[in-house]
Amino acid sequence: MEKRITREFLEDLWRRHHRLSNLSPDPLVFARGYGDPLEGETAGLIAAVFAYGQVEQIMKALGFVFERLGSSPRKTILSSSPKEFTTLCEGFYYRFHKAPDLALFLHLLAQALEKNKSLKELFIKNLSEDIGADIAAFCGEILSGDCRPLLNAKELPLRHPVRFLLSSPSSGGAGKRLCLFLRWMARKDELDPGYWQGALPPSSLVVPLDVHVARVGKFMGLTSRKGSGWKTAVEITESLRRFDPGDPLRYDFSLFRYGMKEFKRAFPAEFSPS
């Protein structure tokens, strides 16, 4: 059974879910509250790239990272040596990422920050009409940093775990975590901090497609595609654009919360073995 989505349904979800009181637990809590946009964007990228897996474990892992980075993550990163990154990250473990992976990611991020005025400038200097290509260029530049002395090679190996942290649509997936980061940066409302407000139009964003939004989107006719890759994310975004052309991701957090908390109760048959 497919249920067609309506504006009234979306607006009801938005009113009930799009509230600061509903935010936790969500990685966005680690990206909010910075008076300095440069600190905020740095915190946002770190929080977004580890937003995979079970939310409780995500929050635990990010809690570890931000406790070590302190109240000024950008300042800490830019003032740390590779050896200090190794010490700072000691004891970190999250799924298949371990302390050396976190240290190397921060080392590469430090180089990108040193070369560019900000992450915003790094992103918009490659800005085009293809947001997927823009994400790939942004990730590619960070990953192209010199891995020495944390690795014995200058270039990051093809299958190194750090590449997963900055996976883009060019790798075949939906680029969910980078799309999430861009939502936080470009949109400004009660939840999203909008550290890049005015630099990247919200109309250019693509839904950060996770299992919850994909399930709801397929069930409610936002996409006809069976997969959960970039093309599906784009199709769901285009469907949401009908309801808000200038800000199609306005409903993203609400759909995510609905998919995570209410959808199974509302449509249990969708979760029953066929």
C-alpha atoms as a PDB file:
ATOM      1  CA  MET A   1       0.000   0.000   0.000  1.00  0.00           C
ATOM      2  CA  GLU A   2       1.324   3.423  -0.933  1.00  0.00           C
ATOM      3  CA  LYS A   3       0.155   6.578   0.773  1.00  0.00           C
ATOM      4  CA  ARG A   4       0.526   9.832  -1.153  1.00  0.00           C
ATOM      5  CA  ILE A   5       2.075  12.663   0.787  1.00  0.00           C
ATOM      6  CA  THR A   6       0.250  15.976   1.178  1.00  0.00           C
ATOM      7  CA  ARG A   7       1.212  19.464   2.231  1.00  0.00           C
ATOM      8  CA  GLU A   8      -1.063  19.150   5.243  1.00  0.00           C
ATOM      9  CA  PHE A   9       0.742  15.995   6.350  1.00  0.00           C
ATOM     10  CA  LEU A  10       4.163  17.615   5.976  1.00  0.00           C
ATOM     11  CA  GLU A  11       3.107  20.744   7.805  1.00  0.00           C
ATOM     12  CA  ASP A  12       1.711  18.653  10.646  1.00  0.00           C
ATOM     13  CA  LEU A  13       4.999  16.766  10.910  1.00  0.00           C
ATOM     14  CA  TRP A  14       6.920  20.043  10.860  1.00  0.00           C
ATOM     15  CA  ARG A  15       4.832  21.558  13.652  1.00  0.00           C
ATOM     16  CA  ARG A  16       5.209  18.482  15.850  1.00  0.00           C
ATOM     17  CA  HIS A  17       8.832  17.573  15.212  1.00  0.00           C
ATOM     18  CA  HIS A  18      10.782  20.639  14.082  1.00  0.00           C
ATOM     19  CA  ARG A  19      11.451  21.921  17.578  1.00  0.00           C
ATOM     20  CA  LEU A  20      14.602  22.443  19.574  1.00  0.00           C
ATOM     21  CA  SER A  21      13.121  20.345  22.366  1.00  0.00           C
ATOM     22  CA  ASN A  22      13.044  17.373  19.956  1.00  0.00           C
ATOM     23  CA  LEU A  23      16.638  17.713  18.799  1.00  0.00           C
ATOM     24  CA  SER A  24      18.447  15.401  21.205  1.00  0.00           C
ATOM     25  CA  PRO A  25      19.776  12.847  20.554  1.00  0.00           C
ATOM     26  CA  ASP A  26      21.092  14.140  17.241  1.00  0.00           C
ATOM     27  CA  PRO A  27      24.661  14.890  16.076  1.00  0.00           C
ATOM     28  CA  LEU A  28      23.527  18.437  15.322  1.00  0.00           C
ATOM     29  CA  VAL A  29      23.746  19.222  19.044  1.00  0.00           C
ATOM     30  CA  PHE A  30      27.545  19.250  18.670  1.00  0.00           C
ATOM     31  CA  ALA A  31      27.420  21.786  15.813  1.00  0.00           C
ATOM     32  CA  ARG A  32      25.127  24.350  17.411  1.00  0.00           C
ATOM     33  CA  GLY A  33      25.842  27.269  19.693  1.00  0.00           C
ATOM     34  CA  TYR A  34      29.096  28.660  18.272  1.00  0.00           C
ATOM     35  CA  GLY A  35      29.309  32.437  18.092  1.00  0.00           C
ATOM     36  CA  ASP A  36      32.184  32.166  15.620  1.00  0.00           C
ATOM     37  CA  PRO A  37      31.017  30.659  12.291  1.00  0.00           C
ATOM     38  CA  LEU A  38      34.542  29.346  11.669  1.00  0.00           C
ATOM     39  CA  GLU A  39      34.374  27.294  14.830  1.00  0.00           C
ATOM     40  CA  GLY A  40      30.793  26.272  14.034  1.00  0.00           C
ATOM     41  CA  GLU A  41      31.546  24.995  10.542  1.00  0.00           C
ATOM     42  CA  THR A  42      34.515  22.989  11.828  1.00  0.00           C
ATOM     43  CA  ALA A  43      32.416  21.428  14.566  1.00  0.00           C
ATOM     44  CA  GLY A  44      29.665  20.781  12.029  1.00  0.00           C
ATOM     45  CA  LEU A  45      31.888  18.847   9.658  1.00  0.00           C
ATOM     46  CA  ILE A  46      33.309  16.691  12.451  1.00  0.00           C
ATOM     47  CA  ALA A  47      29.831  15.967  13.817  1.00  0.00           C
ATOM     48  CA  ALA A  48      28.454  15.146  10.367  1.00  0.00           C
ATOM     49  CA  VAL A  49      31.172  12.767   9.180  1.00  0.00           C
ATOM     50  CA  PHE A  50      30.665  10.488  12.179  1.00  0.00           C
ATOM     51  CA  ALA A  51      26.856  10.507  11.819  1.00  0.00           C
ATOM     52  CA  TYR A  52      26.566   6.866  10.787  1.00  0.00           C
ATOM     53  CA  GLY A  53      25.300   3.894  12.769  1.00  0.00           C
ATOM     54  CA  GLN A  54      23.117   3.892  15.888  1.00  0.00           C
ATOM     55  CA  VAL A  55      22.447   7.352  17.225  1.00  0.00           C
ATOM     56  CA  GLU A  56      23.299   6.489  20.833  1.00  0.00           C
ATOM     57  CA  GLN A  57      26.748   5.286  19.791  1.00  0.00           C
ATOM     58  CA  ILE A  58      27.224   8.271  17.478  1.00  0.00           C
ATOM     59  CA  MET A  59      26.564  10.616  20.382  1.00  0.00           C
ATOM     60  CA  LYS A  60      28.999   8.715  22.597  1.00  0.00           C
ATOM     61  CA  ALA A  61      31.751   8.829  19.960  1.00  0.00           C
ATOM     62  CA  LEU A  62      31.212  12.533  19.258  1.00  0.00           C
ATOM     63  CA  GLY A  63      31.119  13.260  22.965  1.00  0.00           C
ATOM     64  CA  PHE A  64      34.621  11.783  23.196  1.00  0.00           C
ATOM     65  CA  VAL A  65      35.868  13.835  20.225  1.00  0.00           C
ATOM     66  CA  PHE A  66      34.474  17.167  21.359  1.00  0.00           C
ATOM     67  CA  GLU A  67      35.611  16.660  24.927  1.00  0.00           C
ATOM     68  CA  ARG A  68      39.151  16.311  23.577  1.00  0.00           C
ATOM     69  CA  LEU A  69      38.821  19.266  21.171  1.00  0.00           C
ATOM     70  CA  GLY A  70      37.400  21.603  23.784  1.00  0.00           C
ATOM     71  CA  SER A  71      35.237  24.675  23.250  1.00  0.00           C
ATOM     72  CA  SER A  72      37.205  25.866  20.182  1.00  0.00           C
ATOM     73  CA  PRO A  73      37.674  22.831  17.917  1.00  0.00           C
ATOM     74  CA  ARG A  74      39.098  24.844  15.006  1.00  0.00           C
ATOM     75  CA  LYS A  75      41.653  26.528  17.247  1.00  0.00           C
ATOM     76  CA  THR A  76      42.654  23.197  18.766  1.00  0.00           C
ATOM     77  CA  ILE A  77      43.023  21.582  15.342  1.00  0.00           C
ATOM     78  CA  LEU A  78      45.077  24.428  13.875  1.00  0.00           C
ATOM     79  CA  SER A  79      47.393  24.577  16.890  1.00  0.00           C
ATOM     80  CA  SER A  80      48.072  20.824  17.102  1.00  0.00           C
ATOM     81  CA  SER A  81      50.946  18.905  15.556  1.00  0.00           C
ATOM     82  CA  PRO A  82      50.516  15.424  14.067  1.00  0.00           C
ATOM     83  CA  LYS A  83      52.071  13.949  17.210  1.00  0.00           C
ATOM     84  CA  GLU A  84      49.606  15.907  19.340  1.00  0.00           C
ATOM     85  CA  PHE A  85      46.708  14.598  17.244  1.00  0.00           C
ATOM     86  CA  THR A  86      47.880  11.068  18.048  1.00  0.00           C
ATOM     87  CA  THR A  87      47.857  11.832  21.766  1.00  0.00           C
ATOM     88  CA  LEU A  88      44.567  13.735  21.619  1.00  0.00           C
ATOM     89  CA  CYS A  89      42.781  10.851  19.870  1.00  0.00           C
ATOM     90  CA  GLU A  90      44.169   8.078  22.060  1.00  0.00           C
ATOM     91  CA  GLY A  91      41.369   5.776  23.202  1.00  0.00           C
ATOM     92  CA  PHE A  92      38.942   6.658  20.422  1.00  0.00           C
ATOM     93  CA  TYR A  93      37.053   3.767  18.844  1.00  0.00           C
ATOM     94  CA  TYR A  94      33.847   3.861  16.834  1.00  0.00           C
ATOM     95  CA  ARG A  95      32.844   0.900  14.706  1.00  0.00           C
ATOM     96  CA  PHE A  96      35.589   0.520  12.095  1.00  0.00           C
ATOM     97  CA  HIS A  97      37.252   3.864  12.870  1.00  0.00           C
ATOM     98  CA  LYS A  98      39.994   3.865  15.478  1.00  0.00           C
ATOM     99  CA  ALA A  99      42.205   6.482  17.089  1.00  0.00           C
ATOM    100  CA  PRO A 100      44.762   6.623  14.226  1.00  0.00           C
ATOM    101  CA  ASP A 101      41.920   7.236  11.738  1.00  0.00           C
ATOM    102  CA  LEU A 102      40.544  10.138  13.773  1.00  0.00           C
ATOM    103  CA  ALA A 103      44.036  11.604  14.160  1.00  0.00           C
ATOM    104  CA  LEU A 104      44.651  11.383  10.414  1.00  0.00           C
ATOM    105  CA  PHE A 105      41.276  12.943   9.607  1.00  0.00           C
ATOM    106  CA  LEU A 106      42.031  15.883  11.914  1.00  0.00           C
ATOM    107  CA  HIS A 107      45.520  16.205  10.381  1.00  0.00           C
ATOM    108  CA  LEU A 108      44.014  16.423   6.885  1.00  0.00           C
ATOM    109  CA  LEU A 109      41.317  18.808   8.070  1.00  0.00           C
ATOM    110  CA  ALA A 110      43.985  21.055   9.623  1.00  0.00           C
ATOM    111  CA  GLN A 111      45.764  21.282   6.272  1.00  0.00           C
ATOM    112  CA  ALA A 112      42.549  22.188   4.471  1.00  0.00           C
ATOM    113  CA  LEU A 113      41.829  24.892   7.050  1.00  0.00           C
ATOM    114  CA  GLU A 114      45.358  26.286   6.731  1.00  0.00           C
ATOM    115  CA  LYS A 115      45.097  26.463   2.925  1.00  0.00           C
ATOM    116  CA  ASN A 116      41.660  28.064   2.864  1.00  0.00           C
ATOM    117  CA  LYS A 117      40.126  30.944   4.757  1.00  0.00           C
ATOM    118  CA  SER A 118      37.298  28.670   5.840  1.00  0.00           C
ATOM    119  CA  LEU A 119      35.466  25.495   4.919  1.00  0.00           C
ATOM    120  CA  LYS A 120      32.848  27.765   3.371  1.00  0.00           C
ATOM    121  CA  GLU A 121      35.448  29.296   1.059  1.00  0.00           C
ATOM    122  CA  LEU A 122      36.773  25.844   0.210  1.00  0.00           C
ATOM    123  CA  PHE A 123      33.288  24.725  -0.794  1.00  0.00           C
ATOM    124  CA  ILE A 124      32.058  27.756  -2.702  1.00  0.00           C
ATOM    125  CA  LYS A 125      35.226  28.181  -4.752  1.00  0.00           C
ATOM    126  CA  ASN A 126      34.164  25.043  -6.637  1.00  0.00           C
ATOM    127  CA  LEU A 127      30.475  25.963  -6.693  1.00  0.00           C
ATOM    128  CA  SER A 128      28.594  24.900  -9.813  1.00  0.00           C
ATOM    129  CA  GLU A 129      25.079  23.918 -10.761  1.00  0.00           C
ATOM    130  CA  ASP A 130      25.814  20.316  -9.754  1.00  0.00           C
ATOM    131  CA  ILE A 131      25.806  20.043  -5.957  1.00  0.00           C
ATOM    132  CA  GLY A 132      26.930  16.421  -6.179  1.00  0.00           C
ATOM    133  CA  ALA A 133      30.068  17.453  -8.057  1.00  0.00           C
ATOM    134  CA  ASP A 134      30.604  20.292  -5.586  1.00  0.00           C
ATOM    135  CA  ILE A 135      30.488  17.845  -2.669  1.00  0.00           C
ATOM    136  CA  ALA A 136      32.957  15.555  -4.449  1.00  0.00           C
ATOM    137  CA  ALA A 137      35.379  18.448  -5.047  1.00  0.00           C
ATOM    138  CA  PHE A 138      35.116  19.554  -1.408  1.00  0.00           C
ATOM    139  CA  CYS A 139      35.804  16.048  -0.099  1.00  0.00           C
ATOM    140  CA  GLY A 140      38.547  15.488  -2.644  1.00  0.00           C
ATOM    141  CA  GLU A 141      40.479  18.561  -1.585  1.00  0.00           C
ATOM    142  CA  ILE A 142      40.442  17.614   2.100  1.00  0.00           C
ATOM    143  CA  LEU A 143      41.450  14.042   1.318  1.00  0.00           C
ATOM    144  CA  SER A 144      44.280  15.213  -0.945  1.00  0.00           C
ATOM    145  CA  GLY A 145      46.335  16.529   1.974  1.00  0.00           C
ATOM    146  CA  ASP A 146      49.735  15.152   2.931  1.00  0.00           C
ATOM    147  CA  CYS A 147      49.254  12.118   5.198  1.00  0.00           C
ATOM    148  CA  ARG A 148      52.819  12.177   6.492  1.00  0.00           C
ATOM    149  CA  PRO A 149      54.011  11.668   9.189  1.00  0.00           C
ATOM    150  CA  LEU A 150      50.907   9.797  10.393  1.00  0.00           C
ATOM    151  CA  LEU A 151      51.232   7.427   7.437  1.00  0.00           C
ATOM    152  CA  ASN A 152      54.280   6.274   5.536  1.00  0.00           C
ATOM    153  CA  ALA A 153      52.768   7.618   2.326  1.00  0.00           C
ATOM    154  CA  LYS A 154      51.957  11.157   1.212  1.00  0.00           C
ATOM    155  CA  GLU A 155      48.714  10.166  -0.476  1.00  0.00           C
ATOM    156  CA  LEU A 156      45.795   8.585   1.354  1.00  0.00           C
ATOM    157  CA  PRO A 157      45.440   4.921   0.285  1.00  0.00           C
ATOM    158  CA  LEU A 158      42.423   4.149  -1.853  1.00  0.00           C
ATOM    159  CA  ARG A 159      40.613   2.016   0.726  1.00  0.00           C
ATOM    160  CA  HIS A 160      41.687   3.823   3.865  1.00  0.00           C
ATOM    161  CA  PRO A 161      38.884   4.199   6.485  1.00  0.00           C
ATOM    162  CA  VAL A 162      39.238   8.003   6.454  1.00  0.00           C
ATOM    163  CA  ARG A 163      37.878   8.056   2.913  1.00  0.00           C
ATOM    164  CA  PHE A 164      34.587   6.697   4.257  1.00  0.00           C
ATOM    165  CA  LEU A 165      34.238   9.734   6.512  1.00  0.00           C
ATOM    166  CA  LEU A 166      34.193  12.006   3.456  1.00  0.00           C
ATOM    167  CA  SER A 167      32.398   9.763   0.991  1.00  0.00           C
ATOM    168  CA  SER A 168      30.605  11.758  -1.698  1.00  0.00           C
ATOM    169  CA  PRO A 169      28.107  10.954  -4.469  1.00  0.00           C
ATOM    170  CA  SER A 170      31.086  10.225  -6.724  1.00  0.00           C
ATOM    171  CA  SER A 171      31.683   7.053  -4.691  1.00  0.00           C
ATOM    172  CA  GLY A 172      28.240   5.740  -5.631  1.00  0.00           C
ATOM    173  CA  GLY A 173      26.309   6.477  -2.456  1.00  0.00           C
ATOM    174  CA  ALA A 174      23.886   9.185  -1.420  1.00  0.00           C
ATOM    175  CA  GLY A 175      26.544  11.334   0.284  1.00  0.00           C
ATOM    176  CA  LYS A 176      24.220  11.495   3.268  1.00  0.00           C
ATOM    177  CA  ARG A 177      26.630  12.893   5.837  1.00  0.00           C
ATOM    178  CA  LEU A 178      27.951  15.672   3.598  1.00  0.00           C
ATOM    179  CA  CYS A 179      24.383  16.581   2.632  1.00  0.00           C
ATOM    180  CA  LEU A 180      23.610  16.730   6.341  1.00  0.00           C
ATOM    181  CA  PHE A 181      26.575  19.030   6.904  1.00  0.00           C
ATOM    182  CA  LEU A 182      25.422  21.334   4.093  1.00  0.00           C
ATOM    183  CA  ARG A 183      21.899  21.456   5.526  1.00  0.00           C
ATOM    184  CA  TRP A 184      23.294  22.604   8.844  1.00  0.00           C
ATOM    185  CA  MET A 185      25.491  25.221   7.147  1.00  0.00           C
ATOM    186  CA  ALA A 186      23.053  26.668   4.594  1.00  0.00           C
ATOM    187  CA  ARG A 187      19.781  26.669   6.529  1.00  0.00           C
ATOM    188  CA  LYS A 188      19.108  28.857   9.543  1.00  0.00           C
ATOM    189  CA  ASP A 189      16.100  28.284  11.756  1.00  0.00           C
ATOM    190  CA  GLU A 190      15.297  26.954  15.212  1.00  0.00           C
ATOM    191  CA  LEU A 191      17.412  23.846  14.580  1.00  0.00           C
ATOM    192  CA  ASP A 192      19.917  24.466  11.787  1.00  0.00           C
ATOM    193  CA  PRO A 193      22.622  27.019  12.749  1.00  0.00           C
ATOM    194  CA  GLY A 194      23.206  28.437   9.240  1.00  0.00           C
ATOM    195  CA  TYR A 195      26.884  29.342   9.617  1.00  0.00           C
ATOM    196  CA  TRP A 196      27.073  29.780   5.822  1.00  0.00           C
ATOM    197  CA  GLN A 197      23.766  31.597   5.478  1.00  0.00           C
ATOM    198  CA  GLY A 198      23.721  33.567   2.238  1.00  0.00           C
ATOM    199  CA  ALA A 199      26.670  31.731   0.652  1.00  0.00           C
ATOM    200  CA  LEU A 200      24.861  28.551  -0.368  1.00  0.00           C
ATOM    201  CA  PRO A 201      21.162  28.774  -1.282  1.00  0.00           C
ATOM    202  CA  PRO A 202      18.959  26.256   0.574  1.00  0.00           C
ATOM    203  CA  SER A 203      17.248  25.569  -2.755  1.00  0.00           C
ATOM    204  CA  SER A 204      20.441  23.834  -3.964  1.00  0.00           C
ATOM    205  CA  LEU A 205      20.554  21.293  -1.146  1.00  0.00           C
ATOM    206  CA  VAL A 206      19.820  17.578  -1.474  1.00  0.00           C
ATOM    207  CA  VAL A 207      18.153  15.478   1.218  1.00  0.00           C
ATOM    208  CA  PRO A 208      20.636  13.634   3.462  1.00  0.00           C
ATOM    209  CA  LEU A 209      19.157  10.258   2.652  1.00  0.00           C
ATOM    210  CA  ASP A 210      19.191   7.755   5.487  1.00  0.00           C
ATOM    211  CA  VAL A 211      17.186   4.569   5.949  1.00  0.00           C
ATOM    212  CA  HIS A 212      14.302   6.373   7.695  1.00  0.00           C
ATOM    213  CA  VAL A 213      13.778   9.103   5.094  1.00  0.00           C
ATOM    214  CA  ALA A 214      14.243   6.586   2.275  1.00  0.00           C
ATOM    215  CA  ARG A 215      11.578   4.275   3.730  1.00  0.00           C
ATOM    216  CA  VAL A 216       9.050   7.080   4.204  1.00  0.00           C
ATOM    217  CA  GLY A 217       9.882   8.598   0.822  1.00  0.00           C
ATOM    218  CA  LYS A 218       9.315   5.344  -1.040  1.00  0.00           C
ATOM    219  CA  PHE A 219       6.129   4.532   0.842  1.00  0.00           C
ATOM    220  CA  MET A 220       4.624   7.977   0.336  1.00  0.00           C
ATOM    221  CA  GLY A 221       5.460   8.419  -3.312  1.00  0.00           C
ATOM    222  CA  LEU A 222       8.335  10.878  -3.015  1.00  0.00           C
ATOM    223  CA  THR A 223      10.403   8.541  -5.164  1.00  0.00           C
ATOM    224  CA  SER A 224       9.753   5.617  -7.462  1.00  0.00           C
ATOM    225  CA  ARG A 225      13.305   4.338  -7.209  1.00  0.00           C
ATOM    226  CA  LYS A 226      14.130   1.163  -5.271  1.00  0.00           C
ATOM    227  CA  GLY A 227      17.707   2.021  -4.394  1.00  0.00           C
ATOM    228  CA  SER A 228      18.976   4.429  -1.743  1.00  0.00           C
ATOM    229  CA  GLY A 229      21.730   6.187  -3.660  1.00  0.00           C
ATOM    230  CA  TRP A 230      22.255   9.716  -4.949  1.00  0.00           C
ATOM    231  CA  LYS A 231      19.561   9.547  -7.629  1.00  0.00           C
ATOM    232  CA  THR A 232      16.985   8.548  -5.022  1.00  0.00           C
ATOM    233  CA  ALA A 233      18.050  11.413  -2.756  1.00  0.00           C
ATOM    234  CA  VAL A 234      17.720  13.852  -5.652  1.00  0.00           C
ATOM    235  CA  GLU A 235      14.297  12.497  -6.613  1.00  0.00           C
ATOM    236  CA  ILE A 236      12.990  12.817  -3.045  1.00  0.00           C
ATOM    237  CA  THR A 237      14.373  16.358  -2.920  1.00  0.00           C
ATOM    238  CA  GLU A 238      12.614  17.261  -6.175  1.00  0.00           C
ATOM    239  CA  SER A 239       9.356  15.908  -4.769  1.00  0.00           C
ATOM    240  CA  LEU A 240       9.749  18.018  -1.628  1.00  0.00           C
ATOM    241  CA  ARG A 241      10.540  21.034  -3.821  1.00  0.00           C
ATOM    242  CA  ARG A 242       6.900  21.006  -4.933  1.00  0.00           C
ATOM    243  CA  PHE A 243       5.925  21.954  -1.392  1.00  0.00           C
ATOM    244  CA  ASP A 244       8.723  24.513  -0.790  1.00  0.00           C
ATOM    245  CA  PRO A 245      10.696  25.446  -3.930  1.00  0.00           C
ATOM    246  CA  GLY A 246      13.127  27.701  -2.097  1.00  0.00           C
ATOM    247  CA  ASP A 247      13.792  25.355   0.813  1.00  0.00           C
ATOM    248  CA  PRO A 248      13.041  21.714  -0.038  1.00  0.00           C
ATOM    249  CA  LEU A 249      14.903  20.465   3.057  1.00  0.00           C
ATOM    250  CA  ARG A 250      12.601  22.365   5.397  1.00  0.00           C
ATOM    251  CA  TYR A 251      10.814  19.056   6.094  1.00  0.00           C
ATOM    252  CA  ASP A 252      13.920  16.864   6.278  1.00  0.00           C
ATOM    253  CA  PHE A 253      14.336  16.697  10.053  1.00  0.00           C
ATOM    254  CA  SER A 254      10.594  16.116  10.503  1.00  0.00           C
ATOM    255  CA  LEU A 255      10.548  13.254   7.997  1.00  0.00           C
ATOM    256  CA  PHE A 256      13.588  11.739   9.691  1.00  0.00           C
ATOM    257  CA  ARG A 257      11.959  11.879  13.120  1.00  0.00           C
ATOM    258  CA  TYR A 258       8.703  10.517  11.753  1.00  0.00           C
ATOM    259  CA  GLY A 259      10.509   7.664  10.026  1.00  0.00           C
ATOM    260  CA  MET A 260      12.479   6.837  13.147  1.00  0.00           C
ATOM    261  CA  LYS A 261       9.738   7.162  15.772  1.00  0.00           C
ATOM    262  CA  GLU A 262       6.249   6.923  14.224  1.00  0.00           C
ATOM    263  CA  PHE A 263       6.288   5.213  10.844  1.00  0.00           C
ATOM    264  CA  LYS A 264       6.618   1.655  12.168  1.00  0.00           C
ATOM    265  CA  ARG A 265       3.677   2.146  14.521  1.00  0.00           C
ATOM    266  CA  ALA A 266       1.555   3.771  11.797  1.00  0.00           C
ATOM    267  CA  PHE A 267       2.290   1.138   9.140  1.00  0.00           C
ATOM    268  CA  PRO A 268       3.483  -2.070  10.837  1.00  0.00           C
ATOM    269  CA  ALA A 269       2.788  -4.122   7.726  1.00  0.00           C
ATOM    270  CA  GLU A 270       5.714  -2.375   6.027  1.00  0.00           C
ATOM    271  CA  PHE A 271       8.036  -4.043   8.549  1.00  0.00           C
ATOM    272  CA  SER A 272       6.497  -7.504   8.411  1.00  0.00           C
ATOM    273  CA  PRO A 273       8.354 -10.266   6.536  1.00  0.00           C
ATOM    274  CA  SER A 274       6.918 -10.703   3.040  1.00  0.00           C
END
